[in-house]
Amino acid sequence: MSLQDLPCLSLQGSMLSQSKRINKRKSRCGFTEGLDTECTPTELIQQWSPRHKHQRLISKGKENDCNQFVLARRSRRKRESTSAGISWDHLPDELLLKILFYLPLQDLLRVSIVCKRWHCLAFDESLWHSVDLEGLTHMGVALQQVLKTGVRRLRCPRSFLEELQFTGTGPLQIVQMDLSSSIIPTSALENIICHCKLLEYLSLEGLQLSDTIINSLARNPNLLQLNLSGCSGFSAPALADMFTSCSSIEQLNISWCEFNTNHVKSVVNNLSSSVTHLNLSGYRDSLTLDDVKLLVVRCPHIQTLDLSDSTLLMADSFPVLAQLKYLLHLSLSRCYHIHLAALTDLGKTFPMLCLLDIFGLVHDSHLPSLKKEMPRVCINSRPFSGIARPTPASRLIGSFSDRTMWNRRCRLRFKL
């Protein structure tokens, strides 16, 4: 290889030939003074600098006006354009969680399959604080996933659950749970309740229970509201142990269960004085006057009491109930041994009474005269009991159901 073939030398030769052509053009135009026959650095820089760059001529004074030189910058690679915005990958987890917080349930599940990072973020505990799965069928897999997210408020009424294989070893974080009127195997329900230690509000209305479930509930000392209306499958001793352990219960609905006399006595003998709202209706041949006497002694702060369909109760129970100085709402519907004449004195017997439900005892034609005797009392205004129920029954009647749970909606809701 000859020396001329080297790239550095060939470049120099091309620059020299280019400078000669420039000098010839200058000589034609009359610019012959100066170093017009040589290849000066200034000419080389002007020739090889990018055209779009502004060049600045600097002279060293009047005596050297002919000796001008140029300052020029080399071209730089253009920076990447930011007009397309910031990549999602560059956003911190905290900001992405704020964005995901506003997504509905179905969209959040779609986001979770984008990538591994988004999957972890989509199932972050902060996004699954409250979940509503009402009406969901075959929800075993979905419920299992929801329980693993650390959900604290879970609403699943009128849902269908097959067998549940929950493999978690630690306690669940659930504080409020509504499984009312759902179809759930007892074994699956045991698997859920046995992992709960923080329950405060619970509704299992209409479900088949077991002593295992009742014993598991006893390990929730902070329980405030419990709805076991229409439940069955548990014994009186297990019920007594639960009420002994759960001494903070304020609202209890244990109406229309498959109870015998022993069950009723387990309730009235073990309730704590913290109870203020109690529904003990539906025990036609089990609830006696002696049970009412014991109940009044153990729970003197009761404000709402429902003893409907207790056919053994008569007017002699009124002086006993009058010991409840804070009683505001009394329900004696279909207690057929209580006559109309005894009801007229209730206004004097219960000075603080505001609501009285006596459906089935008074004919509609007699209601105006009874209301005159008790002008301060609202009669037959509450056909359904709302004690310890997550959603009062009156709100479920209409064109759409109220999807609140203890007066609060869940953030993530399953939509049919």
Protein backbone atom coordinates (compact mmCIF):
# COMPACT_ATOMS: atom_id res chain seq x y z
CA MET A 1 0.00 0.00 0.00
CA SER A 2 1.38 3.45 -0.95
CA LEU A 3 1.34 6.39 1.47
CA GLN A 4 -1.31 8.14 -0.60
CA ASP A 5 -3.69 5.32 0.10
CA LEU A 6 -3.80 6.10 3.83
CA PRO A 7 -7.09 7.74 4.79
CA CYS A 8 -5.49 10.65 6.66
CA LEU A 9 -3.34 11.62 3.73
CA SER A 10 -6.06 11.27 1.14
CA LEU A 11 -8.25 13.59 3.23
CA GLN A 12 -5.44 16.14 3.41
CA GLY A 13 -4.99 15.97 -0.35
CA SER A 14 -8.65 16.56 -0.98
CA MET A 15 -8.64 19.55 1.35
CA LEU A 16 -5.65 21.06 -0.45
CA SER A 17 -7.24 20.66 -3.86
CA GLN A 18 -10.44 22.19 -2.55
CA SER A 19 -8.55 25.23 -1.18
CA LYS A 20 -6.87 25.78 -4.57
CA ARG A 21 -10.26 25.96 -6.28
CA ILE A 22 -11.37 28.54 -3.75
CA ASN A 23 -8.27 30.69 -4.35
CA LYS A 24 -8.88 30.63 -8.11
CA ARG A 25 -12.44 31.89 -7.60
CA LYS A 26 -11.16 34.68 -5.37
CA SER A 27 -8.56 35.74 -7.94
CA ARG A 28 -11.26 36.06 -10.58
CA CYS A 29 -13.27 38.40 -8.31
CA GLY A 30 -10.26 40.60 -7.54
CA PHE A 31 -9.47 39.36 -4.05
CA THR A 32 -5.77 38.80 -4.51
CA GLU A 33 -4.34 40.32 -1.36
CA GLY A 34 -3.34 38.19 1.57
CA LEU A 35 -2.42 34.56 1.56
CA ASP A 36 -4.64 33.74 -1.41
CA THR A 37 -2.30 31.12 -2.77
CA GLU A 38 -2.04 29.07 0.36
CA CYS A 39 -4.35 26.72 2.17
CA THR A 40 -4.98 28.66 5.40
CA PRO A 41 -6.67 27.16 8.51
CA THR A 42 -9.45 29.74 8.26
CA GLU A 43 -10.41 28.65 4.79
CA LEU A 44 -10.36 25.00 5.77
CA ILE A 45 -12.61 25.64 8.76
CA GLN A 46 -15.06 27.67 6.66
CA GLN A 47 -15.18 25.01 4.04
CA TRP A 48 -15.71 22.04 6.33
CA SER A 49 -17.94 23.63 8.98
CA PRO A 50 -21.73 22.94 8.78
CA ARG A 51 -23.62 25.58 6.85
CA HIS A 52 -26.33 26.01 9.49
CA LYS A 53 -23.86 27.12 12.14
CA HIS A 54 -23.39 30.89 12.55
CA GLN A 55 -19.77 31.84 12.13
CA ARG A 56 -18.25 34.84 13.85
CA LEU A 57 -15.42 36.81 12.27
CA ILE A 58 -12.91 38.33 14.67
CA SER A 59 -10.19 40.79 13.72
CA LYS A 60 -7.13 41.77 15.73
CA GLY A 61 -7.42 45.50 15.13
CA LYS A 62 -7.38 48.02 12.33
CA GLU A 63 -3.78 47.29 11.45
CA ASN A 64 -4.65 43.66 10.94
CA ASP A 65 -8.03 43.98 9.16
CA CYS A 66 -6.79 41.72 6.42
CA ASN A 67 -5.92 38.97 8.85
CA GLN A 68 -9.35 37.75 9.98
CA PHE A 69 -10.08 34.37 11.47
CA VAL A 70 -13.32 32.51 12.17
CA LEU A 71 -14.67 30.81 15.29
CA ALA A 72 -16.84 27.83 14.33
CA ARG A 73 -18.36 24.94 16.30
CA ARG A 74 -18.45 21.37 15.31
CA SER A 75 -21.87 19.89 14.64
CA ARG A 76 -23.34 17.88 17.49
CA ARG A 77 -25.70 14.96 17.28
CA LYS A 78 -29.24 16.09 17.91
CA ARG A 79 -30.68 15.02 21.19
CA GLU A 80 -33.54 12.57 21.18
CA SER A 81 -36.82 14.35 20.86
CA THR A 82 -38.99 14.40 23.99
CA SER A 83 -42.16 15.27 22.13
CA ALA A 84 -43.38 11.68 22.52
CA GLY A 85 -43.56 12.04 26.34
CA ILE A 86 -42.07 10.07 29.22
CA SER A 87 -42.02 6.31 29.02
CA TRP A 88 -44.20 4.37 31.49
CA ASP A 89 -41.11 2.41 32.44
CA HIS A 90 -39.51 5.57 33.83
CA LEU A 91 -42.38 6.35 36.22
CA PRO A 92 -41.81 5.41 39.88
CA ASP A 93 -44.00 2.78 41.53
CA GLU A 94 -45.66 5.35 43.76
CA LEU A 95 -46.90 7.38 40.80
CA LEU A 96 -48.11 4.29 38.93
CA LEU A 97 -50.07 3.18 42.00
CA LYS A 98 -51.78 6.57 42.11
CA ILE A 99 -52.82 6.12 38.47
CA LEU A 100 -53.98 2.53 38.94
CA PHE A 101 -56.04 3.61 41.94
CA TYR A 102 -58.62 5.19 39.59
CA LEU A 103 -59.11 2.11 37.42
CA PRO A 104 -62.25 -0.06 37.83
CA LEU A 105 -61.90 -3.72 38.70
CA GLN A 106 -62.06 -5.16 35.19
CA ASP A 107 -59.48 -2.68 33.83
CA LEU A 108 -57.17 -3.32 36.76
CA LEU A 109 -57.21 -7.03 35.95
CA ARG A 110 -56.39 -6.29 32.31
CA VAL A 111 -53.45 -4.11 33.34
CA SER A 112 -52.07 -6.91 35.51
CA ILE A 113 -51.17 -9.03 32.44
CA VAL A 114 -49.07 -6.35 30.71
CA CYS A 115 -45.78 -7.26 32.37
CA LYS A 116 -44.36 -8.61 35.62
CA ARG A 117 -43.88 -5.17 37.12
CA TRP A 118 -47.43 -4.09 36.37
CA HIS A 119 -48.72 -7.41 37.69
CA CYS A 120 -47.10 -6.75 41.04
CA LEU A 121 -48.39 -3.19 41.11
CA ALA A 122 -51.93 -4.15 40.06
CA PHE A 123 -52.20 -6.52 43.03
CA ASP A 124 -50.66 -4.15 45.53
CA GLU A 125 -52.45 -4.18 48.87
CA SER A 126 -53.25 -0.45 48.70
CA LEU A 127 -55.48 -0.98 45.61
CA TRP A 128 -57.51 -3.84 47.10
CA HIS A 129 -58.67 -2.27 50.35
CA SER A 130 -62.36 -2.86 49.56
CA VAL A 131 -63.86 -5.24 46.96
CA ASP A 132 -67.46 -5.93 45.94
CA LEU A 133 -68.13 -9.28 44.21
CA GLU A 134 -71.92 -9.34 44.57
CA GLY A 135 -73.65 -11.85 42.31
CA LEU A 136 -70.45 -13.42 41.00
CA THR A 137 -70.83 -17.09 40.07
CA HIS A 138 -68.01 -19.62 40.37
CA MET A 139 -65.94 -17.09 42.26
CA GLY A 140 -63.54 -19.59 43.84
CA VAL A 141 -60.44 -18.53 41.90
CA ALA A 142 -61.35 -14.83 42.05
CA LEU A 143 -62.01 -14.92 45.80
CA GLN A 144 -58.79 -16.80 46.45
CA GLN A 145 -56.82 -14.11 44.60
CA VAL A 146 -58.67 -11.30 46.39
CA LEU A 147 -57.97 -12.80 49.81
CA LYS A 148 -54.23 -12.88 49.02
CA THR A 149 -54.19 -9.14 48.26
CA GLY A 150 -54.84 -8.22 51.90
CA VAL A 151 -58.40 -6.97 51.35
CA ARG A 152 -59.97 -5.36 54.42
CA ARG A 153 -63.58 -4.86 53.29
CA LEU A 154 -65.11 -7.75 51.32
CA ARG A 155 -68.69 -7.76 50.02
CA CYS A 156 -70.00 -10.98 48.39
CA PRO A 157 -73.75 -11.26 49.01
CA ARG A 158 -75.87 -13.50 46.79
CA SER A 159 -72.81 -15.11 45.21
CA PHE A 160 -71.95 -18.69 44.38
CA LEU A 161 -68.73 -20.27 45.63
CA GLU A 162 -67.60 -23.78 44.91
CA GLU A 163 -64.81 -25.37 46.93
CA LEU A 164 -62.12 -22.93 48.04
CA GLN A 165 -58.51 -24.03 48.37
CA PHE A 166 -57.05 -21.12 50.31
CA THR A 167 -53.44 -21.98 51.07
CA GLY A 168 -52.49 -18.88 53.05
CA THR A 169 -50.90 -19.53 56.43
CA GLY A 170 -51.07 -16.06 57.98
CA PRO A 171 -54.22 -14.31 59.22
CA LEU A 172 -56.40 -12.43 56.79
CA GLN A 173 -56.71 -8.65 57.07
CA ILE A 174 -60.50 -8.60 56.69
CA VAL A 175 -62.30 -6.18 59.01
CA GLN A 176 -65.73 -6.09 57.33
CA MET A 177 -67.26 -9.00 55.40
CA ASP A 178 -70.72 -9.64 53.97
CA LEU A 179 -71.52 -13.14 52.66
CA SER A 180 -75.28 -12.90 53.16
CA SER A 181 -77.53 -15.26 51.19
CA SER A 182 -74.62 -16.76 49.27
CA ILE A 183 -74.19 -20.39 48.30
CA ILE A 184 -70.99 -21.43 50.06
CA PRO A 185 -69.97 -24.92 51.20
CA THR A 186 -69.46 -25.11 54.95
CA SER A 187 -65.91 -26.36 54.47
CA ALA A 188 -65.04 -23.34 52.30
CA LEU A 189 -66.56 -20.98 54.86
CA GLU A 190 -64.55 -22.65 57.62
CA ASN A 191 -61.40 -22.14 55.56
CA ILE A 192 -62.09 -18.39 55.38
CA ILE A 193 -63.31 -17.70 58.92
CA CYS A 194 -60.51 -19.67 60.60
CA HIS A 195 -58.00 -17.20 59.10
CA CYS A 196 -59.87 -14.13 60.37
CA LYS A 197 -58.69 -12.49 63.59
CA LEU A 198 -59.54 -8.82 62.94
CA LEU A 199 -63.26 -8.97 62.17
CA GLU A 200 -65.38 -6.06 63.37
CA TYR A 201 -68.44 -6.31 61.09
CA LEU A 202 -69.69 -9.66 59.81
CA SER A 203 -72.86 -10.87 58.11
CA LEU A 204 -73.44 -14.59 57.42
CA GLU A 205 -77.19 -14.37 57.04
CA GLY A 206 -78.88 -17.51 55.77
CA LEU A 207 -75.76 -19.70 55.70
CA GLN A 208 -75.14 -23.22 56.97
CA LEU A 209 -72.56 -22.90 59.76
CA SER A 210 -70.73 -25.29 62.08
CA ASP A 211 -69.20 -25.30 65.54
CA THR A 212 -65.81 -24.79 63.88
CA ILE A 213 -67.01 -21.52 62.40
CA ILE A 214 -68.54 -20.33 65.69
CA ASN A 215 -65.35 -21.22 67.56
CA SER A 216 -63.31 -19.32 64.98
CA LEU A 217 -65.51 -16.26 65.45
CA ALA A 218 -64.68 -16.39 69.15
CA ARG A 219 -61.10 -15.47 68.20
CA ASN A 220 -62.25 -12.03 67.00
CA PRO A 221 -62.47 -9.98 70.21
CA ASN A 222 -63.07 -6.70 68.34
CA LEU A 223 -66.34 -7.87 66.78
CA LEU A 224 -68.89 -5.02 66.93
CA GLN A 225 -71.74 -6.08 64.63
CA LEU A 226 -72.73 -9.69 63.92
CA ASN A 227 -75.57 -10.86 61.70
CA LEU A 228 -76.38 -14.59 61.98
CA SER A 229 -80.03 -14.30 61.01
CA GLY A 230 -81.43 -17.53 59.58
CA CYS A 231 -78.27 -19.55 60.22
CA SER A 232 -78.12 -23.15 61.38
CA GLY A 233 -75.75 -26.03 62.11
CA PHE A 234 -74.11 -24.98 65.39
CA SER A 235 -74.60 -26.02 69.00
CA ALA A 236 -75.65 -24.07 72.09
CA PRO A 237 -72.31 -24.54 73.95
CA ALA A 238 -70.32 -23.17 71.00
CA LEU A 239 -72.67 -20.17 70.89
CA ALA A 240 -72.19 -19.52 74.61
CA ASP A 241 -68.39 -19.61 74.26
CA MET A 242 -68.47 -17.17 71.37
CA PHE A 243 -70.56 -14.58 73.25
CA THR A 244 -68.28 -14.92 76.26
CA SER A 245 -65.21 -14.16 74.14
CA CYS A 246 -66.77 -11.48 71.94
CA SER A 247 -67.65 -9.06 74.71
CA SER A 248 -67.58 -5.94 72.51
CA ILE A 249 -70.61 -6.74 70.34
CA GLU A 250 -72.95 -3.75 70.03
CA GLN A 251 -75.40 -4.96 67.38
CA LEU A 252 -76.53 -8.59 67.16
CA ASN A 253 -79.06 -10.13 64.78
CA ILE A 254 -79.63 -13.76 65.69
CA SER A 255 -83.23 -14.06 64.56
CA TRP A 256 -84.95 -17.01 62.93
CA CYS A 257 -82.10 -19.47 63.49
CA GLU A 258 -82.73 -23.17 63.98
CA PHE A 259 -82.77 -22.77 67.75
CA ASN A 260 -84.19 -24.75 70.60
CA THR A 261 -84.63 -23.63 74.19
CA ASN A 262 -80.96 -24.27 74.99
CA HIS A 263 -79.80 -21.99 72.18
CA VAL A 264 -81.98 -19.14 73.40
CA LYS A 265 -80.68 -19.52 76.95
CA SER A 266 -77.09 -19.51 75.65
CA VAL A 267 -77.80 -16.13 74.12
CA VAL A 268 -79.49 -14.41 77.05
CA ASN A 269 -77.11 -15.90 79.62
CA ASN A 270 -73.90 -14.81 77.90
CA LEU A 271 -74.54 -11.51 76.13
CA SER A 272 -72.39 -8.64 77.36
CA SER A 273 -73.67 -5.29 78.58
CA SER A 274 -72.24 -3.59 75.48
CA VAL A 275 -75.20 -4.72 73.34
CA THR A 276 -77.39 -1.79 72.27
CA HIS A 277 -79.28 -3.27 69.28
CA LEU A 278 -80.66 -6.82 69.46
CA ASN A 279 -82.88 -8.84 67.13
CA LEU A 280 -84.08 -12.00 68.88
CA SER A 281 -87.23 -12.55 66.87
CA GLY A 282 -88.72 -15.74 65.49
CA TYR A 283 -88.63 -18.01 68.55
CA ARG A 284 -92.29 -18.75 68.97
CA ASP A 285 -92.04 -21.52 71.53
CA SER A 286 -88.53 -20.91 72.88
CA LEU A 287 -88.37 -17.34 74.23
CA THR A 288 -90.07 -17.03 77.61
CA LEU A 289 -90.70 -14.25 80.12
CA ASP A 290 -87.83 -15.51 82.26
CA ASP A 291 -85.50 -15.14 79.30
CA VAL A 292 -86.64 -11.54 78.86
CA LYS A 293 -86.01 -10.82 82.56
CA LEU A 294 -82.47 -12.15 82.32
CA LEU A 295 -81.87 -10.26 79.10
CA VAL A 296 -82.91 -6.95 80.64
CA VAL A 297 -80.52 -7.45 83.54
CA ARG A 298 -77.54 -8.38 81.38
CA CYS A 299 -78.09 -5.74 78.68
CA PRO A 300 -79.47 -2.60 80.37
CA HIS A 301 -78.31 -0.26 77.56
CA ILE A 302 -80.47 -1.70 74.79
CA GLN A 303 -81.90 0.98 72.49
CA THR A 304 -83.45 -1.21 69.77
CA LEU A 305 -85.09 -4.54 70.60
CA ASP A 306 -86.93 -6.88 68.24
CA LEU A 307 -88.88 -9.73 69.89
CA SER A 308 -91.33 -10.28 67.04
CA ASP A 309 -93.00 -13.69 66.58
CA SER A 310 -92.47 -14.64 70.22
CA THR A 311 -95.90 -16.08 70.83
CA LEU A 312 -95.21 -16.90 74.50
CA LEU A 313 -94.87 -13.24 75.43
CA MET A 314 -97.88 -11.42 76.91
CA ALA A 315 -98.65 -8.03 78.43
CA ASP A 316 -96.89 -9.02 81.68
CA SER A 317 -93.59 -8.53 79.84
CA PHE A 318 -94.17 -4.75 79.60
CA PRO A 319 -93.12 -3.91 83.19
CA VAL A 320 -89.97 -5.98 82.63
CA LEU A 321 -89.14 -4.21 79.36
CA ALA A 322 -89.81 -0.86 81.04
CA GLN A 323 -86.52 -1.32 82.92
CA LEU A 324 -84.72 -0.56 79.69
CA LYS A 325 -84.40 3.18 80.26
CA TYR A 326 -82.75 3.84 76.89
CA LEU A 327 -85.24 1.89 74.75
CA LEU A 328 -86.16 3.84 71.62
CA HIS A 329 -87.41 1.19 69.20
CA LEU A 330 -89.49 -1.85 70.18
CA SER A 331 -90.82 -4.53 67.80
CA LEU A 332 -93.51 -6.94 68.99
CA SER A 333 -95.03 -7.89 65.65
CA ARG A 334 -97.14 -11.08 65.61
CA CYS A 335 -96.85 -11.59 69.38
CA TYR A 336 -100.48 -12.64 69.31
CA HIS A 337 -100.99 -12.96 73.07
CA ILE A 338 -100.57 -9.20 73.49
CA HIS A 339 -103.98 -7.51 73.20
CA LEU A 340 -104.86 -4.07 71.90
CA ALA A 341 -105.98 -2.80 75.32
CA ALA A 342 -102.49 -3.39 76.74
CA LEU A 343 -100.85 -1.45 73.93
CA THR A 344 -102.60 1.82 74.77
CA ASP A 345 -100.52 2.25 77.93
CA LEU A 346 -97.16 1.77 76.21
CA GLY A 347 -96.70 5.53 75.82
CA LYS A 348 -96.69 5.91 79.62
CA THR A 349 -94.69 2.74 80.26
CA PHE A 350 -91.87 3.73 77.86
CA PRO A 351 -91.38 7.50 78.12
CA MET A 352 -88.47 7.55 75.62
CA LEU A 353 -90.04 5.22 73.04
CA CYS A 354 -89.99 6.66 69.49
CA LEU A 355 -90.73 3.67 67.23
CA LEU A 356 -93.17 0.80 67.79
CA ASP A 357 -93.77 -2.06 65.35
CA ILE A 358 -96.85 -4.19 66.05
CA PHE A 359 -97.63 -5.67 62.65
CA GLY A 360 -100.33 -8.34 62.88
CA LEU A 361 -101.63 -7.18 66.31
CA VAL A 362 -103.72 -4.16 65.36
CA HIS A 363 -106.15 -3.82 62.51
CA ASP A 364 -105.64 -0.83 60.26
CA SER A 365 -108.95 0.64 61.40
CA HIS A 366 -107.70 0.78 65.00
CA LEU A 367 -104.36 2.44 64.24
CA PRO A 368 -105.70 6.07 64.28
CA SER A 369 -107.07 5.70 67.81
CA LEU A 370 -103.84 4.07 69.00
CA LYS A 371 -101.78 6.88 67.52
CA LYS A 372 -103.87 9.40 69.46
CA GLU A 373 -102.96 7.61 72.66
CA MET A 374 -99.26 7.75 71.73
CA PRO A 375 -98.74 10.95 69.69
CA ARG A 376 -94.95 10.88 70.14
CA VAL A 377 -94.54 7.31 68.90
CA CYS A 378 -94.27 6.35 65.21
CA ILE A 379 -96.20 3.10 64.74
CA ASN A 380 -95.53 0.43 62.08
CA SER A 381 -92.98 2.42 60.11
CA ARG A 382 -90.26 -0.26 59.96
CA PRO A 383 -91.51 -3.55 58.48
CA PHE A 384 -87.93 -4.87 58.18
CA SER A 385 -85.23 -4.95 60.80
CA GLY A 386 -81.92 -3.31 59.98
CA ILE A 387 -80.05 -4.51 63.08
CA ALA A 388 -76.47 -5.58 62.20
CA ARG A 389 -77.41 -5.87 58.52
CA PRO A 390 -74.78 -4.47 56.15
CA THR A 391 -77.47 -3.19 53.80
CA PRO A 392 -80.91 -2.49 55.29
CA ALA A 393 -83.62 -4.54 53.64
CA SER A 394 -85.63 -1.43 52.81
CA ARG A 395 -82.85 -0.28 50.46
CA LEU A 396 -82.92 -3.53 48.50
CA ILE A 397 -86.47 -2.94 47.33
CA GLY A 398 -86.66 -0.98 44.10
CA SER A 399 -85.26 -0.82 40.60
CA PHE A 400 -81.68 -1.23 41.80
CA SER A 401 -80.03 -2.51 44.93
CA ASP A 402 -77.95 -0.42 47.25
CA ARG A 403 -74.38 -1.70 47.06
CA THR A 404 -73.23 -0.08 50.28
CA MET A 405 -71.85 -2.15 53.13
CA TRP A 406 -72.38 -0.62 56.55
CA ASN A 407 -72.99 2.78 54.93
CA ARG A 408 -69.87 2.70 52.75
CA ARG A 409 -69.30 1.60 49.17
CA CYS A 410 -66.46 -0.64 48.07
CA ARG A 411 -63.94 0.93 45.68
CA LEU A 412 -63.55 -2.10 43.39
CA ARG A 413 -66.88 -3.49 42.19
CA PHE A 414 -67.63 -6.43 39.95
CA LYS A 415 -70.12 -5.45 37.23
CA LEU A 416 -72.33 -8.06 35.63
